[in-house]
PDB file of N, CA and C in Angstrom:
ATOM      1  N   UNK A   1     -11.972  10.649  22.647  1.00  0.00           N
ATOM      2  CA  UNK A   1     -11.059  10.222  21.517  1.00  0.00           C
ATOM      3  C   UNK A   1     -11.605   8.386  20.851  1.00  0.00           C
ATOM      4  N   UNK A   2     -11.619   8.452  19.744  1.00  0.00           N
ATOM      5  CA  UNK A   2     -11.974   7.728  19.485  1.00  0.00           C
ATOM      6  C   UNK A   2     -10.778   6.316  18.619  1.00  0.00           C
ATOM      7  N   UNK A   3     -10.630   5.246  19.518  1.00  0.00           N
ATOM      8  CA  UNK A   3     -10.186   4.215  19.552  1.00  0.00           C
ATOM      9  C   UNK A   3     -10.455   3.178  17.502  1.00  0.00           C
ATOM     10  N   UNK A   4      -9.094   2.785  17.271  1.00  0.00           N
ATOM     11  CA  UNK A   4      -9.875   2.194  15.923  1.00  0.00           C
ATOM     12  C   UNK A   4      -9.049   0.607  16.734  1.00  0.00           C
ATOM     13  N   UNK A   5     -10.250  -0.033  15.986  1.00  0.00           N
ATOM     14  CA  UNK A   5     -10.370  -2.272  16.176  1.00  0.00           C
ATOM     15  C   UNK A   5      -9.488  -2.148  14.536  1.00  0.00           C
ATOM     16  N   UNK A   6      -8.158  -3.064  14.676  1.00  0.00           N
ATOM     17  CA  UNK A   6      -7.223  -3.654  14.024  1.00  0.00           C
ATOM     18  C   UNK A   6      -8.130  -5.116  14.221  1.00  0.00           C
ATOM     19  N   UNK A   7      -8.900  -5.827  12.832  1.00  0.00           N
ATOM     20  CA  UNK A   7      -9.518  -6.818  12.552  1.00  0.00           C
ATOM     21  C   UNK A   7      -9.206  -7.863  11.715  1.00  0.00           C
ATOM     22  N   UNK A   8      -8.441  -8.890  12.392  1.00  0.00           N
ATOM     23  CA  UNK A   8      -7.436 -10.187  10.769  1.00  0.00           C
ATOM     24  C   UNK A   8      -8.719 -11.020  10.925  1.00  0.00           C
ATOM     25  N   UNK A   9      -8.484 -11.091  10.065  1.00  0.00           N
ATOM     26  CA  UNK A   9      -9.816 -12.980  10.202  1.00  0.00           C
ATOM     27  C   UNK A   9      -8.644 -14.012   9.009  1.00  0.00           C
ATOM     28  N   UNK A  10      -8.592 -14.882   9.678  1.00  0.00           N
ATOM     29  CA  UNK A  10      -7.670 -16.044   8.607  1.00  0.00           C
ATOM     30  C   UNK A  10      -7.805 -17.463   9.006  1.00  0.00           C
ATOM     31  N   UNK A  11      -7.553 -18.210   8.397  1.00  0.00           N
ATOM     32  CA  UNK A  11      -7.879 -19.667   8.694  1.00  0.00           C
ATOM     33  C   UNK A  11      -5.968 -20.410   8.471  1.00  0.00           C
ATOM     34  N   UNK A  12      -5.645 -21.081   9.012  1.00  0.00           N
ATOM     35  CA  UNK A  12      -3.986 -21.979   9.458  1.00  0.00           C
ATOM     36  C   UNK A  12      -4.053 -22.412   8.266  1.00  0.00           C
ATOM     37  N   UNK A  13      -2.697 -22.736   8.286  1.00  0.00           N
ATOM     38  CA  UNK A  13      -2.394 -24.333   6.788  1.00  0.00           C
ATOM     39  C   UNK A  13      -2.636 -24.951   7.357  1.00  0.00           C
ATOM     40  N   UNK A  14      -2.771 -26.056   6.408  1.00  0.00           N
ATOM     41  CA  UNK A  14      -3.299 -27.322   6.817  1.00  0.00           C
ATOM     42  C   UNK A  14      -2.053 -27.820   8.069  1.00  0.00           C
ATOM     43  N   UNK A  15      -2.636 -28.879   8.982  1.00  0.00           N
ATOM     44  CA  UNK A  15      -1.712 -29.739   9.470  1.00  0.00           C
ATOM     45  C   UNK A  15      -1.226 -28.482  10.926  1.00  0.00           C
ATOM     46  N   UNK A  16      -1.357 -27.485  10.588  1.00  0.00           N
ATOM     47  CA  UNK A  16      -1.097 -26.347  12.168  1.00  0.00           C
ATOM     48  C   UNK A  16      -2.034 -26.307  12.858  1.00  0.00           C
ATOM     49  N   UNK A  17      -1.767 -27.055  14.760  1.00  0.00           N
ATOM     50  CA  UNK A  17      -2.199 -27.277  15.712  1.00  0.00           C
ATOM     51  C   UNK A  17      -2.718 -25.431  16.585  1.00  0.00           C
ATOM     52  N   UNK A  18      -4.099 -25.735  16.510  1.00  0.00           N
ATOM     53  CA  UNK A  18      -4.443 -24.521  17.711  1.00  0.00           C
ATOM     54  C   UNK A  18      -3.119 -23.874  18.425  1.00  0.00           C
ATOM     55  N   UNK A  19      -2.794 -25.042  19.562  1.00  0.00           N
ATOM     56  CA  UNK A  19      -1.656 -24.589  20.086  1.00  0.00           C
ATOM     57  C   UNK A  19      -0.677 -24.414  20.324  1.00  0.00           C
ATOM     58  N   UNK A  20      -0.377 -24.511  18.945  1.00  0.00           N
ATOM     59  CA  UNK A  20       1.096 -24.141  18.012  1.00  0.00           C
ATOM     60  C   UNK A  20       1.117 -22.436  17.116  1.00  0.00           C
ATOM     61  N   UNK A  21      -0.028 -21.806  16.923  1.00  0.00           N
ATOM     62  CA  UNK A  21      -0.509 -20.846  16.891  1.00  0.00           C
ATOM     63  C   UNK A  21      -0.857 -19.958  17.932  1.00  0.00           C
ATOM     64  N   UNK A  22      -0.857 -20.610  18.572  1.00  0.00           N
ATOM     65  CA  UNK A  22      -1.247 -19.599  20.306  1.00  0.00           C
ATOM     66  C   UNK A  22       0.163 -19.287  20.390  1.00  0.00           C
ATOM     67  N   UNK A  23       0.993 -20.325  20.749  1.00  0.00           N
ATOM     68  CA  UNK A  23       2.359 -20.009  20.948  1.00  0.00           C
ATOM     69  C   UNK A  23       2.859 -18.945  20.120  1.00  0.00           C
ATOM     70  N   UNK A  24       2.997 -18.985  19.069  1.00  0.00           N
ATOM     71  CA  UNK A  24       3.411 -17.861  18.115  1.00  0.00           C
ATOM     72  C   UNK A  24       3.062 -16.796  17.994  1.00  0.00           C
ATOM     73  N   UNK A  25       1.182 -16.610  18.368  1.00  0.00           N
ATOM     74  CA  UNK A  25       0.982 -15.462  18.551  1.00  0.00           C
ATOM     75  C   UNK A  25       1.610 -14.837  19.863  1.00  0.00           C
ATOM     76  N   UNK A  26       1.961 -15.236  20.678  1.00  0.00           N
ATOM     77  CA  UNK A  26       2.421 -15.361  22.060  1.00  0.00           C
ATOM     78  C   UNK A  26       3.654 -14.736  22.298  1.00  0.00           C
ATOM     79  N   UNK A  27       4.232 -15.229  20.755  1.00  0.00           N
ATOM     80  CA  UNK A  27       5.654 -14.605  20.835  1.00  0.00           C
ATOM     81  C   UNK A  27       5.944 -13.312  20.120  1.00  0.00           C
ATOM     82  N   UNK A  28       4.244 -12.503  19.827  1.00  0.00           N
ATOM     83  CA  UNK A  28       4.732 -11.111  19.200  1.00  0.00           C
ATOM     84  C   UNK A  28       4.011 -10.259  20.345  1.00  0.00           C
ATOM     85  N   UNK A  29       4.145 -10.653  21.301  1.00  0.00           N
ATOM     86  CA  UNK A  29       3.248  -9.851  22.690  1.00  0.00           C
ATOM     87  C   UNK A  29       4.138  -8.713  22.645  1.00  0.00           C
ATOM     88  N   UNK A  30       5.752  -8.916  23.009  1.00  0.00           N
ATOM     89  CA  UNK A  30       6.443  -7.982  23.446  1.00  0.00           C
ATOM     90  C   UNK A  30       6.420  -6.507  22.297  1.00  0.00           C
ATOM     91  N   UNK A  31       6.587  -7.016  21.031  1.00  0.00           N
ATOM     92  CA  UNK A  31       6.148  -5.458  20.027  1.00  0.00           C
ATOM     93  C   UNK A  31       5.067  -5.343  19.840  1.00  0.00           C
ATOM     94  N   UNK A  32       4.040  -5.863  20.378  1.00  0.00           N
ATOM     95  CA  UNK A  32       2.515  -5.239  20.556  1.00  0.00           C
ATOM     96  C   UNK A  32       2.446  -4.058  21.551  1.00  0.00           C
ATOM     97  N   UNK A  33       2.709  -4.705  22.752  1.00  0.00           N
ATOM     98  CA  UNK A  33       2.733  -4.246  24.079  1.00  0.00           C
ATOM     99  C   UNK A  33       3.096  -2.475  23.998  1.00  0.00           C
ATOM    100  N   UNK A  34       4.578  -3.298  22.873  1.00  0.00           N
ATOM    101  CA  UNK A  34       5.747  -1.986  23.222  1.00  0.00           C
ATOM    102  C   UNK A  34       5.281  -0.666  21.902  1.00  0.00           C
ATOM    103  N   UNK A  35       4.418  -1.446  21.326  1.00  0.00           N
ATOM    104  CA  UNK A  35       4.044  -0.487  20.082  1.00  0.00           C
ATOM    105  C   UNK A  35       3.260   0.879  20.407  1.00  0.00           C
ATOM    106  N   UNK A  36       3.828   2.062  19.951  1.00  0.00           N
ATOM    107  CA  UNK A  36       2.765   3.152  20.735  1.00  0.00           C
ATOM    108  C   UNK A  36       1.323   3.158  20.538  1.00  0.00           C
ATOM    109  N   UNK A  37       0.604   3.361  21.178  1.00  0.00           N
ATOM    110  CA  UNK A  37      -0.891   3.687  20.854  1.00  0.00           C
ATOM    111  C   UNK A  37      -1.392   2.062  21.049  1.00  0.00           C
ATOM    112  N   UNK A  38      -0.716   0.735  20.967  1.00  0.00           N
ATOM    113  CA  UNK A  38      -1.264  -0.450  21.559  1.00  0.00           C
ATOM    114  C   UNK A  38      -2.347  -0.443  22.538  1.00  0.00           C
ATOM    115  N   UNK A  39      -3.496  -0.901  22.993  1.00  0.00           N
ATOM    116  CA  UNK A  39      -4.623  -0.355  24.520  1.00  0.00           C
ATOM    117  C   UNK A  39      -5.404  -1.398  24.719  1.00  0.00           C
ATOM    118  N   UNK A  40      -5.817  -2.886  23.764  1.00  0.00           N
ATOM    119  CA  UNK A  40      -6.013  -4.627  24.041  1.00  0.00           C
ATOM    120  C   UNK A  40      -5.890  -5.070  23.020  1.00  0.00           C
ATOM    121  N   UNK A  41      -5.935  -6.828  23.042  1.00  0.00           N
ATOM    122  CA  UNK A  41      -5.887  -7.312  21.707  1.00  0.00           C
ATOM    123  C   UNK A  41      -6.577  -8.787  22.794  1.00  0.00           C
ATOM    124  N   UNK A  42      -6.583  -9.395  21.613  1.00  0.00           N
ATOM    125  CA  UNK A  42      -7.547 -10.559  21.797  1.00  0.00           C
ATOM    126  C   UNK A  42      -7.798 -11.687  20.561  1.00  0.00           C
ATOM    127  N   UNK A  43      -7.250 -12.684  21.437  1.00  0.00           N
ATOM    128  CA  UNK A  43      -7.221 -13.570  19.611  1.00  0.00           C
ATOM    129  C   UNK A  43      -8.195 -14.244  20.089  1.00  0.00           C
ATOM    130  N   UNK A  44      -9.293 -14.788  19.048  1.00  0.00           N
ATOM    131  CA  UNK A  44      -9.810 -15.638  19.061  1.00  0.00           C
ATOM    132  C   UNK A  44     -11.177 -17.258  18.091  1.00  0.00           C
ATOM    133  N   UNK A  45     -10.694 -17.875  18.172  1.00  0.00           N
ATOM    134  CA  UNK A  45     -10.715 -19.344  17.203  1.00  0.00           C
ATOM    135  C   UNK A  45     -12.377 -19.709  17.096  1.00  0.00           C
ATOM    136  N   UNK A  46     -13.012 -19.668  15.708  1.00  0.00           N
ATOM    137  CA  UNK A  46     -14.246 -19.793  15.710  1.00  0.00           C
ATOM    138  C   UNK A  46     -14.389 -21.320  15.211  1.00  0.00           C
ATOM    139  N   UNK A  47     -15.463 -21.862  15.753  1.00  0.00           N
ATOM    140  CA  UNK A  47     -16.104 -23.195  15.428  1.00  0.00           C
ATOM    141  C   UNK A  47     -15.642 -23.666  13.769  1.00  0.00           C
ATOM    142  N   UNK A  48     -15.765 -22.526  12.680  1.00  0.00           N
ATOM    143  CA  UNK A  48     -16.134 -22.571  11.642  1.00  0.00           C
ATOM    144  C   UNK A  48     -14.712 -22.694  10.795  1.00  0.00           C
ATOM    145  N   UNK A  49     -13.284 -22.707  11.708  1.00  0.00           N
ATOM    146  CA  UNK A  49     -12.013 -22.327  11.689  1.00  0.00           C
ATOM    147  C   UNK A  49     -11.359 -21.338  11.820  1.00  0.00           C
ATOM    148  N   UNK A  50     -12.166 -20.148  11.295  1.00  0.00           N
ATOM    149  CA  UNK A  50     -11.487 -19.235  11.163  1.00  0.00           C
ATOM    150  C   UNK A  50     -11.159 -18.512  12.244  1.00  0.00           C
ATOM    151  N   UNK A  51     -10.142 -17.968  12.796  1.00  0.00           N
ATOM    152  CA  UNK A  51      -9.389 -16.716  13.684  1.00  0.00           C
ATOM    153  C   UNK A  51      -9.898 -15.539  13.523  1.00  0.00           C
ATOM    154  N   UNK A  52      -9.517 -14.354  14.464  1.00  0.00           N
ATOM    155  CA  UNK A  52      -9.963 -13.325  14.572  1.00  0.00           C
ATOM    156  C   UNK A  52      -8.537 -12.543  15.929  1.00  0.00           C
ATOM    157  N   UNK A  53      -7.913 -12.157  15.089  1.00  0.00           N
ATOM    158  CA  UNK A  53      -6.747 -11.435  15.953  1.00  0.00           C
ATOM    159  C   UNK A  53      -7.935  -9.698  15.954  1.00  0.00           C
ATOM    160  N   UNK A  54      -7.558  -9.302  16.968  1.00  0.00           N
ATOM    161  CA  UNK A  54      -8.598  -7.967  16.807  1.00  0.00           C
ATOM    162  C   UNK A  54      -7.464  -7.119  18.187  1.00  0.00           C
ATOM    163  N   UNK A  55      -7.375  -6.210  17.895  1.00  0.00           N
ATOM    164  CA  UNK A  55      -6.050  -5.371  18.080  1.00  0.00           C
ATOM    165  C   UNK A  55      -6.522  -3.886  18.290  1.00  0.00           C
ATOM    166  N   UNK A  56      -6.902  -3.151  19.720  1.00  0.00           N
ATOM    167  CA  UNK A  56      -7.524  -1.810  19.515  1.00  0.00           C
ATOM    168  C   UNK A  56      -5.717  -0.732  19.655  1.00  0.00           C
ATOM    169  N   UNK A  57      -6.411   0.020  18.759  1.00  0.00           N
ATOM    170  CA  UNK A  57      -5.532   1.278  19.270  1.00  0.00           C
ATOM    171  C   UNK A  57      -6.241   2.635  19.388  1.00  0.00           C
ATOM    172  N   UNK A  58      -5.395   3.619  19.839  1.00  0.00           N
ATOM    173  CA  UNK A  58      -5.757   4.955  20.321  1.00  0.00           C
ATOM    174  C   UNK A  58      -6.340   5.375  19.381  1.00  0.00           C
ATOM    175  N   UNK A  59      -5.848   5.054  18.076  1.00  0.00           N
ATOM    176  CA  UNK A  59      -5.749   6.465  16.925  1.00  0.00           C
ATOM    177  C   UNK A  59      -5.196   5.109  15.454  1.00  0.00           C
ATOM    178  N   UNK A  60      -5.740   5.754  14.379  1.00  0.00           N
ATOM    179  CA  UNK A  60      -5.693   4.827  13.286  1.00  0.00           C
ATOM    180  C   UNK A  60      -4.144   5.362  13.028  1.00  0.00           C
ATOM    181  N   UNK A  61      -3.143   6.451  13.140  1.00  0.00           N
ATOM    182  CA  UNK A  61      -1.837   6.170  13.140  1.00  0.00           C
ATOM    183  C   UNK A  61      -1.404   5.003  13.431  1.00  0.00           C
ATOM    184  N   UNK A  62      -1.636   5.489  14.881  1.00  0.00           N
ATOM    185  CA  UNK A  62      -0.873   3.618  15.788  1.00  0.00           C
ATOM    186  C   UNK A  62      -1.196   2.702  14.841  1.00  0.00           C
ATOM    187  N   UNK A  63      -2.574   2.714  14.775  1.00  0.00           N
ATOM    188  CA  UNK A  63      -2.343   1.022  14.384  1.00  0.00           C
ATOM    189  C   UNK A  63      -1.921   0.497  12.901  1.00  0.00           C
ATOM    190  N   UNK A  64      -1.894   1.781  11.928  1.00  0.00           N
ATOM    191  CA  UNK A  64      -1.370   1.712  10.630  1.00  0.00           C
ATOM    192  C   UNK A  64       0.035   1.411  10.601  1.00  0.00           C
ATOM    193  N   UNK A  65       0.798   2.509  11.392  1.00  0.00           N
ATOM    194  CA  UNK A  65       2.833   2.190  11.827  1.00  0.00           C
ATOM    195  C   UNK A  65       2.643   0.903  12.586  1.00  0.00           C
ATOM    196  N   UNK A  66       2.075  -0.055  13.022  1.00  0.00           N
ATOM    197  CA  UNK A  66       2.482  -0.993  14.114  1.00  0.00           C
ATOM    198  C   UNK A  66       1.890  -2.458  13.177  1.00  0.00           C
ATOM    199  N   UNK A  67       1.155  -2.347  12.166  1.00  0.00           N
ATOM    200  CA  UNK A  67       0.275  -2.849  11.183  1.00  0.00           C
ATOM    201  C   UNK A  67       1.703  -3.326   9.887  1.00  0.00           C
ATOM    202  N   UNK A  68       2.921  -2.123   9.971  1.00  0.00           N
ATOM    203  CA  UNK A  68       3.558  -1.829   8.751  1.00  0.00           C
ATOM    204  C   UNK A  68       4.606  -2.611   9.007  1.00  0.00           C
ATOM    205  N   UNK A  69       5.090  -1.877  10.569  1.00  0.00           N
ATOM    206  CA  UNK A  69       5.496  -2.600  11.786  1.00  0.00           C
ATOM    207  C   UNK A  69       6.022  -4.437  11.515  1.00  0.00           C
ATOM    208  N   UNK A  70       4.747  -4.848  11.839  1.00  0.00           N
ATOM    209  CA  UNK A  70       5.161  -5.650  12.727  1.00  0.00           C
ATOM    210  C   UNK A  70       5.479  -6.918  11.505  1.00  0.00           C
ATOM    211  N   UNK A  71       5.797  -6.715  10.156  1.00  0.00           N
ATOM    212  CA  UNK A  71       6.128  -7.988   9.271  1.00  0.00           C
ATOM    213  C   UNK A  71       7.717  -7.493   9.184  1.00  0.00           C
ATOM    214  N   UNK A  72       8.099  -6.625   9.774  1.00  0.00           N
ATOM    215  CA  UNK A  72       9.657  -6.122  10.012  1.00  0.00           C
ATOM    216  C   UNK A  72      10.177  -7.311  11.061  1.00  0.00           C
ATOM    217  N   UNK A  73       9.458  -7.726  11.895  1.00  0.00           N
ATOM    218  CA  UNK A  73      10.008  -8.154  13.060  1.00  0.00           C
ATOM    219  C   UNK A  73      10.235 -10.169  13.221  1.00  0.00           C
ATOM    220  N   UNK A  74      10.768 -10.382  14.142  1.00  0.00           N
ATOM    221  CA  UNK A  74      11.320 -11.770  13.622  1.00  0.00           C
ATOM    222  C   UNK A  74      10.479 -12.609  14.088  1.00  0.00           C
ATOM    223  N   UNK A  75       9.844 -12.233  14.898  1.00  0.00           N
ATOM    224  CA  UNK A  75       8.179 -13.253  15.045  1.00  0.00           C
ATOM    225  C   UNK A  75       7.211 -13.083  14.235  1.00  0.00           C
ATOM    226  N   UNK A  76       6.868 -12.090  12.950  1.00  0.00           N
ATOM    227  CA  UNK A  76       6.351 -12.585  12.109  1.00  0.00           C
ATOM    228  C   UNK A  76       6.341 -13.683  10.962  1.00  0.00           C
ATOM    229  N   UNK A  77       7.664 -13.895  10.709  1.00  0.00           N
ATOM    230  CA  UNK A  77       7.985 -14.729   9.718  1.00  0.00           C
ATOM    231  C   UNK A  77       7.565 -15.826  10.134  1.00  0.00           C
ATOM    232  N   UNK A  78       7.298 -16.831  11.303  1.00  0.00           N
ATOM    233  CA  UNK A  78       6.943 -17.526  12.080  1.00  0.00           C
ATOM    234  C   UNK A  78       5.374 -17.688  11.948  1.00  0.00           C
ATOM    235  N   UNK A  79       4.448 -16.473  12.254  1.00  0.00           N
ATOM    236  CA  UNK A  79       3.395 -16.624  12.365  1.00  0.00           C
ATOM    237  C   UNK A  79       2.616 -16.895  10.879  1.00  0.00           C
ATOM    238  N   UNK A  80       3.313 -15.866   9.793  1.00  0.00           N
ATOM    239  CA  UNK A  80       2.624 -15.471   8.179  1.00  0.00           C
ATOM    240  C   UNK A  80       3.102 -17.727   7.948  1.00  0.00           C
ATOM    241  N   UNK A  81       3.972 -17.387   8.684  1.00  0.00           N
ATOM    242  CA  UNK A  81       4.416 -19.570   7.641  1.00  0.00           C
ATOM    243  C   UNK A  81       2.898 -20.239   8.227  1.00  0.00           C
ATOM    244  N   UNK A  82       2.546 -20.085   9.407  1.00  0.00           N
ATOM    245  CA  UNK A  82       1.236 -21.430   9.767  1.00  0.00           C
ATOM    246  C   UNK A  82       0.441 -20.528   9.432  1.00  0.00           C
ATOM    247  N   UNK A  83      -0.146 -19.390   8.575  1.00  0.00           N
ATOM    248  CA  UNK A  83      -1.551 -19.018   7.805  1.00  0.00           C
ATOM    249  C   UNK A  83      -1.644 -19.323   6.518  1.00  0.00           C
ATOM    250  N   UNK A  84      -2.541 -19.300   6.479  1.00  0.00           N
ATOM    251  CA  UNK A  84      -3.145 -19.445   4.960  1.00  0.00           C
ATOM    252  C   UNK A  84      -3.040 -18.211   4.336  1.00  0.00           C
ATOM    253  N   UNK A  85      -2.629 -17.915   3.197  1.00  0.00           N
ATOM    254  CA  UNK A  85      -1.982 -16.439   3.067  1.00  0.00           C
ATOM    255  C   UNK A  85      -3.393 -16.150   2.253  1.00  0.00           C
ATOM    256  N   UNK A  86      -4.534 -16.634   1.296  1.00  0.00           N
ATOM    257  CA  UNK A  86      -5.010 -16.914   0.535  1.00  0.00           C
ATOM    258  C   UNK A  86      -6.430 -16.212   1.567  1.00  0.00           C
ATOM    259  N   UNK A  87      -6.575 -16.899   2.730  1.00  0.00           N
ATOM    260  CA  UNK A  87      -7.180 -16.094   3.920  1.00  0.00           C
ATOM    261  C   UNK A  87      -7.762 -14.876   4.675  1.00  0.00           C
ATOM    262  N   UNK A  88      -6.699 -14.665   4.476  1.00  0.00           N
ATOM    263  CA  UNK A  88      -6.291 -13.226   5.717  1.00  0.00           C
ATOM    264  C   UNK A  88      -7.368 -11.407   5.139  1.00  0.00           C
ATOM    265  N   UNK A  89      -7.809 -11.401   5.858  1.00  0.00           N
ATOM    266  CA  UNK A  89      -8.824 -10.185   5.783  1.00  0.00           C
ATOM    267  C   UNK A  89      -8.072  -9.338   6.678  1.00  0.00           C
ATOM    268  N   UNK A  90      -7.534  -8.017   6.700  1.00  0.00           N
ATOM    269  CA  UNK A  90      -7.425  -7.093   7.313  1.00  0.00           C
ATOM    270  C   UNK A  90      -8.315  -5.436   7.127  1.00  0.00           C
ATOM    271  N   UNK A  91      -8.894  -5.517   8.376  1.00  0.00           N
ATOM    272  CA  UNK A  91      -9.017  -4.277   8.414  1.00  0.00           C
ATOM    273  C   UNK A  91      -9.005  -3.284   9.474  1.00  0.00           C
ATOM    274  N   UNK A  92      -9.321  -1.817   9.284  1.00  0.00           N
ATOM    275  CA  UNK A  92      -9.391  -1.221  10.305  1.00  0.00           C
ATOM    276  C   UNK A  92     -10.559   0.102  11.131  1.00  0.00           C
ATOM    277  N   UNK A  93     -11.518  -0.312  12.201  1.00  0.00           N
ATOM    278  CA  UNK A  93     -12.648   0.318  12.237  1.00  0.00           C
ATOM    279  C   UNK A  93     -12.685   1.148  13.580  1.00  0.00           C
ATOM    280  N   UNK A  94     -13.260   2.138  13.072  1.00  0.00           N
ATOM    281  CA  UNK A  94     -13.342   3.156  14.768  1.00  0.00           C
ATOM    282  C   UNK A  94     -14.386   2.599  15.634  1.00  0.00           C
ATOM    283  N   UNK A  95     -13.686   2.596  16.702  1.00  0.00           N
ATOM    284  CA  UNK A  95     -14.790   2.034  17.739  1.00  0.00           C
ATOM    285  C   UNK A  95     -15.522   2.998  18.605  1.00  0.00           C
ATOM    286  N   UNK A  96     -16.639   2.557  18.209  1.00  0.00           N
ATOM    287  CA  UNK A  96     -17.542   3.924  18.295  1.00  0.00           C
ATOM    288  C   UNK A  96     -18.433   3.654  20.814  1.00  0.00           C
ATOM    289  N   UNK A  97     -18.055   2.329  20.215  1.00  0.00           N
ATOM    290  CA  UNK A  97     -18.629   2.051  21.900  1.00  0.00           C
ATOM    291  C   UNK A  97     -17.616   1.284  22.611  1.00  0.00           C
ATOM    292  N   UNK A  98     -17.608   1.211  23.909  1.00  0.00           N
ATOM    293  CA  UNK A  98     -17.045   0.004  24.273  1.00  0.00           C
ATOM    294  C   UNK A  98     -17.467  -0.512  25.690  1.00  0.00           C
ATOM    295  N   UNK A  99     -17.945  -1.570  25.528  1.00  0.00           N
ATOM    296  CA  UNK A  99     -18.072  -2.403  27.465  1.00  0.00           C
ATOM    297  C   UNK A  99     -17.362  -3.217  27.884  1.00  0.00           C
ATOM    298  N   UNK A 100     -17.003  -2.635  29.404  1.00  0.00           N
ATOM    299  CA  UNK A 100     -16.619  -3.543  29.524  1.00  0.00           C
ATOM    300  C   UNK A 100     -16.604  -4.362  31.012  1.00  0.00           C
ATOM    301  N   UNK A 101     -16.690  -5.067  31.662  1.00  0.00           N
ATOM    302  CA  UNK A 101     -17.030  -5.596  32.526  1.00  0.00           C
ATOM    303  C   UNK A 101     -16.885  -4.887  34.170  1.00  0.00           C
TER     304      UNK A 101
END
């Protein structure tokens, strides 16, 4: 089975503290965990100021359905309010290899 990675990169709006954004992201956990096809998620922040929200889904349909449904969730508005909209890049990729500890 080919999994699908949803990779969203972005920067935060000026004045937004990293800790604030992490808490807002954690507020979306209930929705993401309950979404059909969810497998894994991680959030990272680079030295260049860019963030990456990396979510693995069991298939493309699940990834696309979750992406569409996310914007209807109560937690989405608060998250989007602190993200620089011009910086957002989202893509879906097939996971070809996976290695865990």
